[in-house]
């Protein structure tokens, strides 16, 4: 099977256990769209945005460095452009504990610029 990115508003029950590993202490946005990446029918990454702000972006540690995050970010950007946005931002202060440095490296390698703890890019 291959990587699939789903645009959802509710989490399918079959993905709940793996999604909880990704979310850690975060909650899915109720009634708002989010992206769920699956591989071999297992949840491997989640992301969502609120306007131009990326509210959450995480790839399961077992799946990192395989292109999952890049594909998830590509889809997040596509959705933002379709919504008429011209930029995306990620506030590192809101990143999961211990993940800020890794997120900064990942996003800057993909064209985001960092200023005062906020990563941003034009779309």
PDB file of N, CA and C in Angstrom:
ATOM      1  N   UNK A   1       0.835  -1.176   0.000  1.00  0.00           N
ATOM      2  CA  UNK A   1       0.000   0.000   0.000  1.00  0.00           C
ATOM      3  C   UNK A   1       0.882   1.243   0.000  1.00  0.00           C
ATOM      4  N   UNK A   2       0.248   2.374  -0.237  1.00  0.00           N
ATOM      5  CA  UNK A   2       1.007   3.608  -0.297  1.00  0.00           C
ATOM      6  C   UNK A   2       0.469   4.621   0.708  1.00  0.00           C
ATOM      7  N   UNK A   3       1.182   5.717   0.793  1.00  0.00           N
ATOM      8  CA  UNK A   3       0.772   6.798   1.669  1.00  0.00           C
ATOM      9  C   UNK A   3      -0.479   7.455   1.112  1.00  0.00           C
ATOM     10  N   UNK A   4      -1.441   7.683   1.979  1.00  0.00           N
ATOM     11  CA  UNK A   4      -2.669   8.367   1.600  1.00  0.00           C
ATOM     12  C   UNK A   4      -2.904   9.488   2.600  1.00  0.00           C
ATOM     13  N   UNK A   5      -3.250  10.675   2.092  1.00  0.00           N
ATOM     14  CA  UNK A   5      -3.578  11.792   2.966  1.00  0.00           C
ATOM     15  C   UNK A   5      -5.071  12.053   2.825  1.00  0.00           C
ATOM     16  N   UNK A   6      -5.771  11.958   3.942  1.00  0.00           N
ATOM     17  CA  UNK A   6      -7.222  12.124   3.991  1.00  0.00           C
ATOM     18  C   UNK A   6      -7.562  13.506   4.537  1.00  0.00           C
ATOM     19  N   UNK A   7      -8.526  14.142   3.941  1.00  0.00           N
ATOM     20  CA  UNK A   7      -9.055  15.420   4.438  1.00  0.00           C
ATOM     21  C   UNK A   7     -10.347  15.070   5.179  1.00  0.00           C
ATOM     22  N   UNK A   8     -10.346  15.206   6.516  1.00  0.00           N
ATOM     23  CA  UNK A   8     -11.455  14.719   7.342  1.00  0.00           C
ATOM     24  C   UNK A   8     -11.964  15.781   8.317  1.00  0.00           C
ATOM     25  N   UNK A   9     -13.128  15.528   8.860  1.00  0.00           N
ATOM     26  CA  UNK A   9     -13.642  16.326   9.977  1.00  0.00           C
ATOM     27  C   UNK A   9     -13.913  15.444  11.195  1.00  0.00           C
ATOM     28  N   UNK A  10     -13.894  14.127  10.986  1.00  0.00           N
ATOM     29  CA  UNK A  10     -14.041  13.175  12.087  1.00  0.00           C
ATOM     30  C   UNK A  10     -13.033  12.049  11.902  1.00  0.00           C
ATOM     31  N   UNK A  11     -12.501  11.570  13.004  1.00  0.00           N
ATOM     32  CA  UNK A  11     -11.510  10.510  12.961  1.00  0.00           C
ATOM     33  C   UNK A  11     -12.191   9.147  12.897  1.00  0.00           C
ATOM     34  N   UNK A  12     -11.900   8.348  11.866  1.00  0.00           N
ATOM     35  CA  UNK A  12     -12.473   7.001  11.819  1.00  0.00           C
ATOM     36  C   UNK A  12     -11.995   6.168  13.015  1.00  0.00           C
ATOM     37  N   UNK A  13     -12.863   5.381  13.557  1.00  0.00           N
ATOM     38  CA  UNK A  13     -12.545   4.578  14.744  1.00  0.00           C
ATOM     39  C   UNK A  13     -11.321   3.688  14.522  1.00  0.00           C
ATOM     40  N   UNK A  14     -11.169   3.150  13.322  1.00  0.00           N
ATOM     41  CA  UNK A  14     -10.042   2.238  13.063  1.00  0.00           C
ATOM     42  C   UNK A  14      -8.682   2.927  13.165  1.00  0.00           C
ATOM     43  N   UNK A  15      -8.659   4.273  13.120  1.00  0.00           N
ATOM     44  CA  UNK A  15      -7.396   5.018  13.213  1.00  0.00           C
ATOM     45  C   UNK A  15      -7.183   5.651  14.580  1.00  0.00           C
ATOM     46  N   UNK A  16      -8.136   5.498  15.469  1.00  0.00           N
ATOM     47  CA  UNK A  16      -8.079   6.192  16.757  1.00  0.00           C
ATOM     48  C   UNK A  16      -6.828   5.851  17.578  1.00  0.00           C
ATOM     49  N   UNK A  17      -6.484   4.604  17.719  1.00  0.00           N
ATOM     50  CA  UNK A  17      -5.346   4.218  18.569  1.00  0.00           C
ATOM     51  C   UNK A  17      -4.036   4.818  18.069  1.00  0.00           C
ATOM     52  N   UNK A  18      -3.784   4.727  16.772  1.00  0.00           N
ATOM     53  CA  UNK A  18      -2.550   5.292  16.228  1.00  0.00           C
ATOM     54  C   UNK A  18      -2.578   6.815  16.253  1.00  0.00           C
ATOM     55  N   UNK A  19      -3.741   7.408  16.023  1.00  0.00           N
ATOM     56  CA  UNK A  19      -3.857   8.869  16.062  1.00  0.00           C
ATOM     57  C   UNK A  19      -3.553   9.389  17.463  1.00  0.00           C
ATOM     58  N   UNK A  20      -3.966   8.674  18.485  1.00  0.00           N
ATOM     59  CA  UNK A  20      -3.686   9.107  19.853  1.00  0.00           C
ATOM     60  C   UNK A  20      -2.194   9.098  20.147  1.00  0.00           C
ATOM     61  N   UNK A  21      -1.452   8.178  19.533  1.00  0.00           N
ATOM     62  CA  UNK A  21       0.006   8.175  19.686  1.00  0.00           C
ATOM     63  C   UNK A  21       0.621   9.423  19.055  1.00  0.00           C
ATOM     64  N   UNK A  22       0.046   9.878  17.967  1.00  0.00           N
ATOM     65  CA  UNK A  22       0.540  11.074  17.283  1.00  0.00           C
ATOM     66  C   UNK A  22       0.147  12.331  18.057  1.00  0.00           C
ATOM     67  N   UNK A  23      -1.090  12.386  18.508  1.00  0.00           N
ATOM     68  CA  UNK A  23      -1.617  13.572  19.183  1.00  0.00           C
ATOM     69  C   UNK A  23      -0.996  13.828  20.543  1.00  0.00           C
ATOM     70  N   UNK A  24      -0.585  12.785  21.236  1.00  0.00           N
ATOM     71  CA  UNK A  24      -0.095  12.873  22.602  1.00  0.00           C
ATOM     72  C   UNK A  24      -1.137  13.581  23.459  1.00  0.00           C
ATOM     73  N   UNK A  25      -0.893  14.797  23.911  1.00  0.00           N
ATOM     74  CA  UNK A  25      -1.838  15.489  24.786  1.00  0.00           C
ATOM     75  C   UNK A  25      -2.749  16.458  24.043  1.00  0.00           C
ATOM     76  N   UNK A  26      -2.673  16.504  22.717  1.00  0.00           N
ATOM     77  CA  UNK A  26      -3.490  17.421  21.932  1.00  0.00           C
ATOM     78  C   UNK A  26      -4.830  16.787  21.572  1.00  0.00           C
ATOM     79  N   UNK A  27      -5.800  17.633  21.302  1.00  0.00           N
ATOM     80  CA  UNK A  27      -7.124  17.167  20.880  1.00  0.00           C
ATOM     81  C   UNK A  27      -7.364  17.593  19.437  1.00  0.00           C
ATOM     82  N   UNK A  28      -8.042  16.735  18.696  1.00  0.00           N
ATOM     83  CA  UNK A  28      -8.432  17.106  17.339  1.00  0.00           C
ATOM     84  C   UNK A  28      -9.398  18.278  17.392  1.00  0.00           C
ATOM     85  N   UNK A  29      -9.349  19.156  16.394  1.00  0.00           N
ATOM     86  CA  UNK A  29     -10.296  20.273  16.382  1.00  0.00           C
ATOM     87  C   UNK A  29     -11.704  19.764  16.082  1.00  0.00           C
ATOM     88  N   UNK A  30     -12.621  19.990  16.989  1.00  0.00           N
ATOM     89  CA  UNK A  30     -13.992  19.479  16.818  1.00  0.00           C
ATOM     90  C   UNK A  30     -14.703  20.147  15.649  1.00  0.00           C
ATOM     91  N   UNK A  31     -15.213  19.328  14.748  1.00  0.00           N
ATOM     92  CA  UNK A  31     -16.002  19.824  13.628  1.00  0.00           C
ATOM     93  C   UNK A  31     -15.229  20.619  12.597  1.00  0.00           C
ATOM     94  N   UNK A  32     -13.898  20.690  12.728  1.00  0.00           N
ATOM     95  CA  UNK A  32     -13.086  21.419  11.764  1.00  0.00           C
ATOM     96  C   UNK A  32     -12.225  20.430  10.993  1.00  0.00           C
ATOM     97  N   UNK A  33     -11.882  20.756   9.758  1.00  0.00           N
ATOM     98  CA  UNK A  33     -11.105  19.826   8.942  1.00  0.00           C
ATOM     99  C   UNK A  33      -9.677  19.647   9.446  1.00  0.00           C
ATOM    100  N   UNK A  34      -9.166  18.459   9.222  1.00  0.00           N
ATOM    101  CA  UNK A  34      -7.773  18.140   9.525  1.00  0.00           C
ATOM    102  C   UNK A  34      -7.286  17.150   8.484  1.00  0.00           C
ATOM    103  N   UNK A  35      -5.976  16.998   8.412  1.00  0.00           N
ATOM    104  CA  UNK A  35      -5.382  16.040   7.492  1.00  0.00           C
ATOM    105  C   UNK A  35      -4.849  14.858   8.284  1.00  0.00           C
ATOM    106  N   UNK A  36      -5.157  13.676   7.823  1.00  0.00           N
ATOM    107  CA  UNK A  36      -4.679  12.436   8.427  1.00  0.00           C
ATOM    108  C   UNK A  36      -3.926  11.664   7.358  1.00  0.00           C
ATOM    109  N   UNK A  37      -2.662  11.377   7.605  1.00  0.00           N
ATOM    110  CA  UNK A  37      -1.876  10.570   6.682  1.00  0.00           C
ATOM    111  C   UNK A  37      -1.867   9.134   7.184  1.00  0.00           C
ATOM    112  N   UNK A  38      -2.137   8.206   6.268  1.00  0.00           N
ATOM    113  CA  UNK A  38      -2.113   6.787   6.623  1.00  0.00           C
ATOM    114  C   UNK A  38      -1.158   6.046   5.700  1.00  0.00           C
ATOM    115  N   UNK A  39      -0.561   5.009   6.227  1.00  0.00           N
ATOM    116  CA  UNK A  39       0.289   4.112   5.457  1.00  0.00           C
ATOM    117  C   UNK A  39      -0.065   2.703   5.911  1.00  0.00           C
ATOM    118  N   UNK A  40      -0.371   1.844   4.959  1.00  0.00           N
ATOM    119  CA  UNK A  40      -0.830   0.489   5.281  1.00  0.00           C
ATOM    120  C   UNK A  40      -1.999   0.534   6.266  1.00  0.00           C
ATOM    121  N   UNK A  41      -2.891   1.496   6.032  1.00  0.00           N
ATOM    122  CA  UNK A  41      -4.108   1.692   6.819  1.00  0.00           C
ATOM    123  C   UNK A  41      -3.847   1.976   8.298  1.00  0.00           C
ATOM    124  N   UNK A  42      -2.689   2.556   8.602  1.00  0.00           N
ATOM    125  CA  UNK A  42      -2.377   2.987   9.966  1.00  0.00           C
ATOM    126  C   UNK A  42      -2.106   4.484   9.944  1.00  0.00           C
ATOM    127  N   UNK A  43      -2.638   5.192  10.908  1.00  0.00           N
ATOM    128  CA  UNK A  43      -2.396   6.627  11.006  1.00  0.00           C
ATOM    129  C   UNK A  43      -0.924   6.865  11.318  1.00  0.00           C
ATOM    130  N   UNK A  44      -0.274   7.702  10.504  1.00  0.00           N
ATOM    131  CA  UNK A  44       1.143   7.984  10.709  1.00  0.00           C
ATOM    132  C   UNK A  44       1.431   9.472  10.900  1.00  0.00           C
ATOM    133  N   UNK A  45       0.463  10.358  10.566  1.00  0.00           N
ATOM    134  CA  UNK A  45       0.694  11.794  10.727  1.00  0.00           C
ATOM    135  C   UNK A  45      -0.632  12.542  10.751  1.00  0.00           C
ATOM    136  N   UNK A  46      -0.620  13.680  11.420  1.00  0.00           N
ATOM    137  CA  UNK A  46      -1.800  14.543  11.515  1.00  0.00           C
ATOM    138  C   UNK A  46      -1.372  16.002  11.407  1.00  0.00           C
ATOM    139  N   UNK A  47      -2.234  16.807  10.805  1.00  0.00           N
ATOM    140  CA  UNK A  47      -1.992  18.253  10.744  1.00  0.00           C
ATOM    141  C   UNK A  47      -3.314  18.970  10.561  1.00  0.00           C
ATOM    142  N   UNK A  48      -3.374  20.198  11.038  1.00  0.00           N
ATOM    143  CA  UNK A  48      -4.508  21.054  10.744  1.00  0.00           C
ATOM    144  C   UNK A  48      -4.063  22.499  10.858  1.00  0.00           C
ATOM    145  N   UNK A  49      -4.864  23.356  10.281  1.00  0.00           N
ATOM    146  CA  UNK A  49      -4.595  24.784  10.357  1.00  0.00           C
ATOM    147  C   UNK A  49      -5.865  25.512  10.756  1.00  0.00           C
ATOM    148  N   UNK A  50      -5.669  26.672  11.345  1.00  0.00           N
ATOM    149  CA  UNK A  50      -6.758  27.581  11.673  1.00  0.00           C
ATOM    150  C   UNK A  50      -6.398  28.882  10.990  1.00  0.00           C
ATOM    151  N   UNK A  51      -7.043  29.128   9.846  1.00  0.00           N
ATOM    152  CA  UNK A  51      -6.658  30.264   9.026  1.00  0.00           C
ATOM    153  C   UNK A  51      -5.261  30.043   8.512  1.00  0.00           C
ATOM    154  N   UNK A  52      -4.403  31.041   8.660  1.00  0.00           N
ATOM    155  CA  UNK A  52      -3.034  30.906   8.160  1.00  0.00           C
ATOM    156  C   UNK A  52      -2.096  30.265   9.183  1.00  0.00           C
ATOM    157  N   UNK A  53      -2.601  29.941  10.349  1.00  0.00           N
ATOM    158  CA  UNK A  53      -1.782  29.352  11.408  1.00  0.00           C
ATOM    159  C   UNK A  53      -1.881  27.825  11.398  1.00  0.00           C
ATOM    160  N   UNK A  54      -0.739  27.174  11.374  1.00  0.00           N
ATOM    161  CA  UNK A  54      -0.718  25.718  11.493  1.00  0.00           C
ATOM    162  C   UNK A  54      -0.923  25.411  12.968  1.00  0.00           C
ATOM    163  N   UNK A  55      -2.057  24.802  13.278  1.00  0.00           N
ATOM    164  CA  UNK A  55      -2.399  24.521  14.665  1.00  0.00           C
ATOM    165  C   UNK A  55      -1.719  23.285  15.211  1.00  0.00           C
ATOM    166  N   UNK A  56      -1.408  22.342  14.324  1.00  0.00           N
ATOM    167  CA  UNK A  56      -0.777  21.086  14.744  1.00  0.00           C
ATOM    168  C   UNK A  56      -0.145  20.435  13.533  1.00  0.00           C
ATOM    169  N   UNK A  57       1.041  19.866  13.720  1.00  0.00           N
ATOM    170  CA  UNK A  57       1.729  19.152  12.649  1.00  0.00           C
ATOM    171  C   UNK A  57       2.631  18.124  13.310  1.00  0.00           C
ATOM    172  N   UNK A  58       2.356  16.846  13.110  1.00  0.00           N
ATOM    173  CA  UNK A  58       3.179  15.802  13.727  1.00  0.00           C
ATOM    174  C   UNK A  58       3.171  14.541  12.881  1.00  0.00           C
ATOM    175  N   UNK A  59       4.344  13.936  12.800  1.00  0.00           N
ATOM    176  CA  UNK A  59       4.536  12.652  12.129  1.00  0.00           C
ATOM    177  C   UNK A  59       5.018  11.675  13.185  1.00  0.00           C
ATOM    178  N   UNK A  60       4.435  10.502  13.195  1.00  0.00           N
ATOM    179  CA  UNK A  60       4.849   9.482  14.161  1.00  0.00           C
ATOM    180  C   UNK A  60       6.331   9.208  14.039  1.00  0.00           C
ATOM    181  N   UNK A  61       7.024   9.128  15.151  1.00  0.00           N
ATOM    182  CA  UNK A  61       8.481   8.981  15.131  1.00  0.00           C
ATOM    183  C   UNK A  61       8.958   7.778  14.323  1.00  0.00           C
ATOM    184  N   UNK A  62       8.205   6.695  14.307  1.00  0.00           N
ATOM    185  CA  UNK A  62       8.591   5.505  13.545  1.00  0.00           C
ATOM    186  C   UNK A  62       8.529   5.713  12.034  1.00  0.00           C
ATOM    187  N   UNK A  63       7.874   6.776  11.595  1.00  0.00           N
ATOM    188  CA  UNK A  63       7.630   7.007  10.177  1.00  0.00           C
ATOM    189  C   UNK A  63       8.424   8.193   9.636  1.00  0.00           C
ATOM    190  N   UNK A  64       9.190   8.851  10.461  1.00  0.00           N
ATOM    191  CA  UNK A  64       9.916  10.044  10.021  1.00  0.00           C
ATOM    192  C   UNK A  64      11.012   9.693   9.021  1.00  0.00           C
ATOM    193  N   UNK A  65      11.376  10.703   8.216  1.00  0.00           N
ATOM    194  CA  UNK A  65      12.431  10.614   7.197  1.00  0.00           C
ATOM    195  C   UNK A  65      12.068   9.675   6.051  1.00  0.00           C
ATOM    196  N   UNK A  66      10.767   9.614   5.752  1.00  0.00           N
ATOM    197  CA  UNK A  66      10.289   8.784   4.641  1.00  0.00           C
ATOM    198  C   UNK A  66       9.387   9.571   3.696  1.00  0.00           C
ATOM    199  N   UNK A  67       9.357  10.893   3.844  1.00  0.00           N
ATOM    200  CA  UNK A  67       8.563  11.729   2.960  1.00  0.00           C
ATOM    201  C   UNK A  67       7.147  11.997   3.418  1.00  0.00           C
ATOM    202  N   UNK A  68       6.763  11.438   4.553  1.00  0.00           N
ATOM    203  CA  UNK A  68       5.395  11.627   5.053  1.00  0.00           C
ATOM    204  C   UNK A  68       5.149  13.094   5.399  1.00  0.00           C
ATOM    205  N   UNK A  69       6.057  13.699   6.138  1.00  0.00           N
ATOM    206  CA  UNK A  69       5.904  15.095   6.525  1.00  0.00           C
ATOM    207  C   UNK A  69       5.894  16.026   5.321  1.00  0.00           C
ATOM    208  N   UNK A  70       6.742  15.743   4.346  1.00  0.00           N
ATOM    209  CA  UNK A  70       6.781  16.572   3.134  1.00  0.00           C
ATOM    210  C   UNK A  70       5.461  16.509   2.384  1.00  0.00           C
ATOM    211  N   UNK A  71       4.901  15.326   2.275  1.00  0.00           N
ATOM    212  CA  UNK A  71       3.613  15.188   1.583  1.00  0.00           C
ATOM    213  C   UNK A  71       2.492  15.848   2.381  1.00  0.00           C
ATOM    214  N   UNK A  72       2.524  15.698   3.686  1.00  0.00           N
ATOM    215  CA  UNK A  72       1.512  16.321   4.532  1.00  0.00           C
ATOM    216  C   UNK A  72       1.588  17.850   4.415  1.00  0.00           C
ATOM    217  N   UNK A  73       2.792  18.400   4.422  1.00  0.00           N
ATOM    218  CA  UNK A  73       2.958  19.845   4.280  1.00  0.00           C
ATOM    219  C   UNK A  73       2.506  20.312   2.896  1.00  0.00           C
ATOM    220  N   UNK A  74       2.805  19.547   1.868  1.00  0.00           N
ATOM    221  CA  UNK A  74       2.364  19.890   0.515  1.00  0.00           C
ATOM    222  C   UNK A  74       0.847  20.005   0.467  1.00  0.00           C
ATOM    223  N   UNK A  75       0.160  19.038   1.058  1.00  0.00           N
ATOM    224  CA  UNK A  75      -1.302  19.055   1.078  1.00  0.00           C
ATOM    225  C   UNK A  75      -1.848  20.194   1.928  1.00  0.00           C
ATOM    226  N   UNK A  76      -1.184  20.487   3.035  1.00  0.00           N
ATOM    227  CA  UNK A  76      -1.596  21.597   3.886  1.00  0.00           C
ATOM    228  C   UNK A  76      -1.494  22.913   3.112  1.00  0.00           C
ATOM    229  N   UNK A  77      -0.409  23.078   2.357  1.00  0.00           N
ATOM    230  CA  UNK A  77      -0.240  24.274   1.525  1.00  0.00           C
ATOM    231  C   UNK A  77      -1.303  24.341   0.428  1.00  0.00           C
ATOM    232  N   UNK A  78      -1.576  23.220  -0.218  1.00  0.00           N
ATOM    233  CA  UNK A  78      -2.615  23.187  -1.261  1.00  0.00           C
ATOM    234  C   UNK A  78      -3.962  23.631  -0.700  1.00  0.00           C
ATOM    235  N   UNK A  79      -4.313  23.106   0.452  1.00  0.00           N
ATOM    236  CA  UNK A  79      -5.589  23.461   1.084  1.00  0.00           C
ATOM    237  C   UNK A  79      -5.630  24.948   1.442  1.00  0.00           C
ATOM    238  N   UNK A  80      -4.505  25.483   1.896  1.00  0.00           N
ATOM    239  CA  UNK A  80      -4.444  26.899   2.252  1.00  0.00           C
ATOM    240  C   UNK A  80      -4.625  27.774   1.010  1.00  0.00           C
ATOM    241  N   UNK A  81      -3.972  27.410  -0.083  1.00  0.00           N
ATOM    242  CA  UNK A  81      -4.114  28.165  -1.336  1.00  0.00           C
ATOM    243  C   UNK A  81      -5.559  28.090  -1.822  1.00  0.00           C
ATOM    244  N   UNK A  82      -6.158  26.903  -1.754  1.00  0.00           N
ATOM    245  CA  UNK A  82      -7.553  26.740  -2.176  1.00  0.00           C
ATOM    246  C   UNK A  82      -8.499  27.594  -1.330  1.00  0.00           C
ATOM    247  N   UNK A  83      -8.110  27.860  -0.079  1.00  0.00           N
ATOM    248  CA  UNK A  83      -8.923  28.690   0.805  1.00  0.00           C
ATOM    249  C   UNK A  83      -8.632  30.184   0.613  1.00  0.00           C
ATOM    250  N   UNK A  84      -7.734  30.511  -0.325  1.00  0.00           N
ATOM    251  CA  UNK A  84      -7.432  31.906  -0.620  1.00  0.00           C
ATOM    252  C   UNK A  84      -6.346  32.525   0.243  1.00  0.00           C
ATOM    253  N   UNK A  85      -5.608  31.707   0.980  1.00  0.00           N
ATOM    254  CA  UNK A  85      -4.546  32.232   1.836  1.00  0.00           C
ATOM    255  C   UNK A  85      -3.272  32.480   1.022  1.00  0.00           C
ATOM    256  N   UNK A  86      -2.433  33.387   1.509  1.00  0.00           N
ATOM    257  CA  UNK A  86      -1.183  33.701   0.818  1.00  0.00           C
ATOM    258  C   UNK A  86       0.040  33.368   1.658  1.00  0.00           C
ATOM    259  N   UNK A  87      -0.187  32.897   2.894  1.00  0.00           N
ATOM    260  CA  UNK A  87       0.947  32.518   3.748  1.00  0.00           C
ATOM    261  C   UNK A  87       0.504  31.509   4.800  1.00  0.00           C
ATOM    262  N   UNK A  88       1.481  30.822   5.355  1.00  0.00           N
ATOM    263  CA  UNK A  88       1.251  29.905   6.480  1.00  0.00           C
ATOM    264  C   UNK A  88       2.272  30.225   7.562  1.00  0.00           C
ATOM    265  N   UNK A  89       1.869  30.045   8.808  1.00  0.00           N
ATOM    266  CA  UNK A  89       2.743  30.288   9.953  1.00  0.00           C
ATOM    267  C   UNK A  89       2.622  29.153  10.969  1.00  0.00           C
ATOM    268  N   UNK A  90       3.730  28.905  11.658  1.00  0.00           N
ATOM    269  CA  UNK A  90       3.747  27.930  12.745  1.00  0.00           C
ATOM    270  C   UNK A  90       4.469  28.550  13.924  1.00  0.00           C
ATOM    271  N   UNK A  91       3.786  28.691  15.041  1.00  0.00           N
ATOM    272  CA  UNK A  91       4.367  29.246  16.257  1.00  0.00           C
ATOM    273  C   UNK A  91       5.033  28.105  17.024  1.00  0.00           C
ATOM    274  N   UNK A  92       6.352  28.144  17.121  1.00  0.00           N
ATOM    275  CA  UNK A  92       7.083  27.063  17.784  1.00  0.00           C
ATOM    276  C   UNK A  92       6.785  26.963  19.270  1.00  0.00           C
ATOM    277  N   UNK A  93       6.297  28.037  19.873  1.00  0.00           N
ATOM    278  CA  UNK A  93       5.942  27.996  21.299  1.00  0.00           C
ATOM    279  C   UNK A  93       4.763  27.055  21.538  1.00  0.00           C
ATOM    280  N   UNK A  94       3.990  26.778  20.490  1.00  0.00           N
ATOM    281  CA  UNK A  94       2.833  25.888  20.623  1.00  0.00           C
ATOM    282  C   UNK A  94       3.153  24.459  20.179  1.00  0.00           C
ATOM    283  N   UNK A  95       4.401  24.198  19.835  1.00  0.00           N
ATOM    284  CA  UNK A  95       4.813  22.861  19.377  1.00  0.00           C
ATOM    285  C   UNK A  95       4.802  21.874  20.546  1.00  0.00           C
ATOM    286  N   UNK A  96       4.581  20.590  20.237  1.00  0.00           N
ATOM    287  CA  UNK A  96       4.644  19.579  21.304  1.00  0.00           C
ATOM    288  C   UNK A  96       5.997  19.610  22.012  1.00  0.00           C
ATOM    289  N   UNK A  97       5.987  19.278  23.280  1.00  0.00           N
ATOM    290  CA  UNK A  97       7.208  19.302  24.092  1.00  0.00           C
ATOM    291  C   UNK A  97       8.336  18.523  23.418  1.00  0.00           C
ATOM    292  N   UNK A  98       9.493  19.145  23.320  1.00  0.00           N
ATOM    293  CA  UNK A  98      10.665  18.493  22.752  1.00  0.00           C
ATOM    294  C   UNK A  98      10.693  18.417  21.234  1.00  0.00           C
ATOM    295  N   UNK A  99       9.695  18.964  20.550  1.00  0.00           N
ATOM    296  CA  UNK A  99       9.619  18.858  19.093  1.00  0.00           C
ATOM    297  C   UNK A  99       9.966  20.152  18.360  1.00  0.00           C
ATOM    298  N   UNK A 100      10.129  21.250  19.073  1.00  0.00           N
ATOM    299  CA  UNK A 100      10.328  22.553  18.427  1.00  0.00           C
ATOM    300  C   UNK A 100      11.560  22.575  17.527  1.00  0.00           C
ATOM    301  N   UNK A 101      12.685  22.059  17.993  1.00  0.00           N
ATOM    302  CA  UNK A 101      13.913  22.095  17.189  1.00  0.00           C
ATOM    303  C   UNK A 101      13.763  21.263  15.917  1.00  0.00           C
ATOM    304  N   UNK A 102      13.176  20.094  16.030  1.00  0.00           N
ATOM    305  CA  UNK A 102      12.962  19.246  14.862  1.00  0.00           C
ATOM    306  C   UNK A 102      12.000  19.864  13.868  1.00  0.00           C
ATOM    307  N   UNK A 103      10.919  20.470  14.376  1.00  0.00           N
ATOM    308  CA  UNK A 103       9.970  21.152  13.495  1.00  0.00           C
ATOM    309  C   UNK A 103      10.622  22.335  12.798  1.00  0.00           C
ATOM    310  N   UNK A 104      11.427  23.092  13.528  1.00  0.00           N
ATOM    311  CA  UNK A 104      12.115  24.239  12.927  1.00  0.00           C
ATOM    312  C   UNK A 104      13.028  23.778  11.792  1.00  0.00           C
ATOM    313  N   UNK A 105      13.788  22.721  12.016  1.00  0.00           N
ATOM    314  CA  UNK A 105      14.683  22.207  10.974  1.00  0.00           C
ATOM    315  C   UNK A 105      13.891  21.713   9.768  1.00  0.00           C
ATOM    316  N   UNK A 106      12.819  20.981  10.019  1.00  0.00           N
ATOM    317  CA  UNK A 106      11.994  20.449   8.930  1.00  0.00           C
ATOM    318  C   UNK A 106      11.388  21.575   8.097  1.00  0.00           C
ATOM    319  N   UNK A 107      10.752  22.544   8.767  1.00  0.00           N
ATOM    320  CA  UNK A 107      10.066  23.618   8.048  1.00  0.00           C
ATOM    321  C   UNK A 107      11.038  24.564   7.346  1.00  0.00           C
ATOM    322  N   UNK A 108      12.173  24.889   7.964  1.00  0.00           N
ATOM    323  CA  UNK A 108      13.125  25.778   7.295  1.00  0.00           C
ATOM    324  C   UNK A 108      13.740  25.103   6.077  1.00  0.00           C
ATOM    325  N   UNK A 109      13.923  23.794   6.128  1.00  0.00           N
ATOM    326  CA  UNK A 109      14.441  23.065   4.960  1.00  0.00           C
ATOM    327  C   UNK A 109      13.438  23.074   3.809  1.00  0.00           C
ATOM    328  N   UNK A 110      12.190  23.410   4.107  1.00  0.00           N
ATOM    329  CA  UNK A 110      11.143  23.449   3.085  1.00  0.00           C
ATOM    330  C   UNK A 110      10.667  24.870   2.789  1.00  0.00           C
ATOM    331  N   UNK A 111      11.547  25.841   3.036  1.00  0.00           N
ATOM    332  CA  UNK A 111      11.283  27.204   2.614  1.00  0.00           C
ATOM    333  C   UNK A 111      10.668  28.147   3.624  1.00  0.00           C
ATOM    334  N   UNK A 112      10.425  27.696   4.840  1.00  0.00           N
ATOM    335  CA  UNK A 112       9.887  28.577   5.867  1.00  0.00           C
ATOM    336  C   UNK A 112      11.032  29.385   6.473  1.00  0.00           C
ATOM    337  N   UNK A 113      10.733  30.599   6.851  1.00  0.00           N
ATOM    338  CA  UNK A 113      11.708  31.454   7.516  1.00  0.00           C
ATOM    339  C   UNK A 113      11.309  31.603   8.975  1.00  0.00           C
ATOM    340  N   UNK A 114      12.323  31.660   9.844  1.00  0.00           N
ATOM    341  CA  UNK A 114      12.051  31.771  11.273  1.00  0.00           C
ATOM    342  C   UNK A 114      12.366  33.169  11.774  1.00  0.00           C
ATOM    343  N   UNK A 115      11.417  33.738  12.514  1.00  0.00           N
ATOM    344  CA  UNK A 115      11.614  35.044  13.134  1.00  0.00           C
ATOM    345  C   UNK A 115      10.856  35.057  14.459  1.00  0.00           C
ATOM    346  N   UNK A 116      11.567  35.319  15.525  1.00  0.00           N
ATOM    347  CA  UNK A 116      10.975  35.421  16.852  1.00  0.00           C
ATOM    348  C   UNK A 116      10.150  34.181  17.220  1.00  0.00           C
ATOM    349  N   UNK A 117      10.649  33.003  16.881  1.00  0.00           N
ATOM    350  CA  UNK A 117       9.975  31.761  17.250  1.00  0.00           C
ATOM    351  C   UNK A 117       8.785  31.394  16.383  1.00  0.00           C
ATOM    352  N   UNK A 118       8.585  32.131  15.293  1.00  0.00           N
ATOM    353  CA  UNK A 118       7.490  31.818  14.371  1.00  0.00           C
ATOM    354  C   UNK A 118       8.077  31.491  13.002  1.00  0.00           C
ATOM    355  N   UNK A 119       7.660  30.376  12.455  1.00  0.00           N
ATOM    356  CA  UNK A 119       8.059  29.966  11.106  1.00  0.00           C
ATOM    357  C   UNK A 119       6.974  30.399  10.144  1.00  0.00           C
ATOM    358  N   UNK A 120       7.352  30.972   9.001  1.00  0.00           N
ATOM    359  CA  UNK A 120       6.350  31.410   8.043  1.00  0.00           C
ATOM    360  C   UNK A 120       6.860  31.266   6.624  1.00  0.00           C
ATOM    361  N   UNK A 121       5.908  31.127   5.707  1.00  0.00           N
ATOM    362  CA  UNK A 121       6.252  31.078   4.291  1.00  0.00           C
ATOM    363  C   UNK A 121       5.117  31.669   3.475  1.00  0.00           C
ATOM    364  N   UNK A 122       5.484  32.245   2.346  1.00  0.00           N
ATOM    365  CA  UNK A 122       4.495  32.729   1.394  1.00  0.00           C
ATOM    366  C   UNK A 122       4.078  31.559   0.518  1.00  0.00           C
ATOM    367  N   UNK A 123       2.827  31.577   0.124  1.00  0.00           N
ATOM    368  CA  UNK A 123       2.308  30.489  -0.705  1.00  0.00           C
ATOM    369  C   UNK A 123       2.239  30.908  -2.166  1.00  0.00           C
TER     370      UNK A 123
END
